[in-house]
Each structure stands twice: as structure tokens, then as C-alpha cells.
C-alpha atoms as a PDB file:
ATOM      1  CA  MET A   1     -11.244 -18.663  33.497  1.00  0.00           C
ATOM      2  CA  VAL A   2     -13.185 -16.198  31.337  1.00  0.00           C
ATOM      3  CA  HIS A   3     -11.390 -13.235  29.793  1.00  0.00           C
ATOM      4  CA  SER A   4     -12.927 -10.173  28.260  1.00  0.00           C
ATOM      5  CA  PRO A   5     -12.052  -9.430  24.597  1.00  0.00           C
ATOM      6  CA  GLN A   6     -10.236  -6.299  25.752  1.00  0.00           C
ATOM      7  CA  LEU A   7      -8.056  -8.247  28.159  1.00  0.00           C
ATOM      8  CA  LEU A   8      -7.161 -10.751  25.482  1.00  0.00           C
ATOM      9  CA  LEU A   9      -5.914  -7.894  23.339  1.00  0.00           C
ATOM     10  CA  LEU A  10      -3.723  -6.481  26.116  1.00  0.00           C
ATOM     11  CA  VAL A  11      -2.176  -9.587  27.631  1.00  0.00           C
ATOM     12  CA  GLN A  12      -0.022 -11.167  24.969  1.00  0.00           C
ATOM     13  CA  THR A  13       3.158 -13.209  25.017  1.00  0.00           C
ATOM     14  CA  PRO A  14       5.410 -14.215  22.142  1.00  0.00           C
ATOM     15  CA  GLU A  15       3.758 -17.619  22.292  1.00  0.00           C
ATOM     16  CA  THR A  16       0.195 -16.308  22.116  1.00  0.00           C
ATOM     17  CA  LEU A  17       1.100 -13.898  19.297  1.00  0.00           C
ATOM     18  CA  ALA A  18       2.648 -16.810  17.363  1.00  0.00           C
ATOM     19  CA  ALA A  19      -0.441 -18.993  17.886  1.00  0.00           C
ATOM     20  CA  ARG A  20      -3.018 -16.321  17.194  1.00  0.00           C
ATOM     21  CA  PHE A  21      -1.361 -14.198  14.472  1.00  0.00           C
ATOM     22  CA  GLN A  22       1.550 -16.359  13.189  1.00  0.00           C
ATOM     23  CA  LEU A  23       4.007 -13.695  14.407  1.00  0.00           C
ATOM     24  CA  ASP A  24       7.641 -14.411  15.229  1.00  0.00           C
ATOM     25  CA  VAL A  25       8.160 -12.116  18.235  1.00  0.00           C
ATOM     26  CA  ARG A  26      11.632 -11.924  19.768  1.00  0.00           C
ATOM     27  CA  PRO A  27      11.844  -9.727  22.895  1.00  0.00           C
ATOM     28  CA  ASN A  28      15.237  -8.428  23.967  1.00  0.00           C
ATOM     29  CA  HIS A  29      16.766  -8.910  20.493  1.00  0.00           C
ATOM     30  CA  GLU A  30      18.562  -6.000  18.881  1.00  0.00           C
ATOM     31  CA  VAL A  31      18.411  -5.492  15.120  1.00  0.00           C
ATOM     32  CA  THR A  32      21.813  -4.081  14.214  1.00  0.00           C
ATOM     33  CA  ALA A  33      21.426  -3.961  10.399  1.00  0.00           C
ATOM     34  CA  ILE A  34      18.558  -4.151   7.886  1.00  0.00           C
ATOM     35  CA  LEU A  35      19.362  -5.399   4.399  1.00  0.00           C
ATOM     36  CA  THR A  36      16.191  -4.454   2.583  1.00  0.00           C
ATOM     37  CA  ASP A  37      17.330  -5.630  -0.893  1.00  0.00           C
ATOM     38  CA  GLU A  38      18.003  -9.109   0.549  1.00  0.00           C
ATOM     39  CA  LYS A  39      15.079  -9.019   2.980  1.00  0.00           C
ATOM     40  CA  LYS A  40      17.372  -9.920   5.883  1.00  0.00           C
ATOM     41  CA  VAL A  41      18.172  -8.429   9.282  1.00  0.00           C
ATOM     42  CA  GLU A  42      21.250  -8.818  11.432  1.00  0.00           C
ATOM     43  CA  VAL A  43      20.146  -9.614  15.006  1.00  0.00           C
ATOM     44  CA  GLN A  44      22.118  -9.584  18.202  1.00  0.00           C
ATOM     45  CA  HIS A  45      20.953 -11.503  21.275  1.00  0.00           C
ATOM     46  CA  ASP A  46      23.035 -12.619  24.275  1.00  0.00           C
ATOM     47  CA  GLY A  47      26.223 -11.525  22.501  1.00  0.00           C
ATOM     48  CA  ILE A  48      25.517 -13.705  19.441  1.00  0.00           C
ATOM     49  CA  ARG A  49      24.879 -12.135  16.016  1.00  0.00           C
ATOM     50  CA  THR A  50      22.769 -13.944  13.410  1.00  0.00           C
ATOM     51  CA  MET A  51      21.226 -13.117  10.029  1.00  0.00           C
ATOM     52  CA  GLU A  52      17.494 -13.731   9.727  1.00  0.00           C
ATOM     53  CA  SER A  53      15.360 -13.521   6.600  1.00  0.00           C
ATOM     54  CA  TYR A  54      11.871 -12.021   6.573  1.00  0.00           C
ATOM     55  CA  ASP A  55       8.755 -11.757   4.426  1.00  0.00           C
ATOM     56  CA  VAL A  56       7.300  -8.715   6.218  1.00  0.00           C
ATOM     57  CA  LEU A  57       9.285  -6.796   8.793  1.00  0.00           C
ATOM     58  CA  LEU A  58       7.704  -4.993  11.699  1.00  0.00           C
ATOM     59  CA  LEU A  59       9.990  -3.316  14.197  1.00  0.00           C
ATOM     60  CA  SER A  60       8.554  -2.592  17.597  1.00  0.00           C
ATOM     61  CA  PRO A  61      11.118  -0.788  19.772  1.00  0.00           C
ATOM     62  CA  GLY A  62      10.512  -0.878  23.494  1.00  0.00           C
ATOM     63  CA  ALA A  63       9.494   2.245  25.303  1.00  0.00           C
ATOM     64  CA  LYS A  64       9.691   3.653  28.805  1.00  0.00           C
ATOM     65  CA  PRO A  65       6.872   5.591  30.347  1.00  0.00           C
ATOM     66  CA  PHE A  66       7.144   9.352  30.851  1.00  0.00           C
ATOM     67  CA  VAL A  67       6.859  10.286  34.493  1.00  0.00           C
ATOM     68  CA  PRO A  68       6.094  14.011  34.830  1.00  0.00           C
ATOM     69  CA  PRO A  69       8.191  16.088  37.230  1.00  0.00           C
ATOM     70  CA  ILE A  70       5.556  16.511  39.926  1.00  0.00           C
ATOM     71  CA  ALA A  71       6.813  17.387  43.424  1.00  0.00           C
ATOM     72  CA  GLY A  72       6.440  14.421  45.726  1.00  0.00           C
ATOM     73  CA  LEU A  73       5.875  11.978  42.918  1.00  0.00           C
ATOM     74  CA  SER A  74       8.445   9.246  42.378  1.00  0.00           C
ATOM     75  CA  ALA A  75       8.488   6.635  39.646  1.00  0.00           C
ATOM     76  CA  ARG A  76       7.739   3.985  42.284  1.00  0.00           C
ATOM     77  CA  ASP A  77       4.651   5.859  43.545  1.00  0.00           C
ATOM     78  CA  SER A  78       3.280   6.515  40.053  1.00  0.00           C
ATOM     79  CA  GLY A  79       2.577   2.872  39.249  1.00  0.00           C
ATOM     80  CA  ALA A  80       4.805   3.235  36.142  1.00  0.00           C
ATOM     81  CA  ALA A  81       6.879   0.124  35.330  1.00  0.00           C
ATOM     82  CA  ILE A  82      10.368   1.453  34.837  1.00  0.00           C
END
């Protein structure tokens, strides 16, 4: 299957990001504390808290799309993934 360069940029998984960019991506994990002096973060996932060290920290909070209040438009009809 042939993918365009644009599609390869848009369709990424934690596994492909790790393989391509050496990133440790952890969806659905909540950072509850950042200890910048120690370069550590406290992370919560499935009710378990752990401390993780880091070299470079990039936080990418999830987002929900804005659906404008247009009469007759519902989130389901807009194509927005909510």
C-alpha cells in the first residue's frame, strides 16, 4: 500500500512515533506532578501512580473539537469525533 507523505504525517500511533522519532508516547496517562529540578513526572494510569524520569518533556493534552451552535447541526451530523 502506498501512502502520501501528508498521510504519513497525520496517521501516527504510539508505536510509529517510537519507531520514527524515538518518542515515548503514552495516551490516556495523566501527569499529576512535574518535578523539574529532578526531571521527573508523577503519572497516573489505570489507578496506578508511578514516577518517570525524562530528558526532554513534551506535554500534549488532548482536545475536543468545537462544534458551533448552528440550528439543526448536531455533533453527530458535523463529522466531529466527540
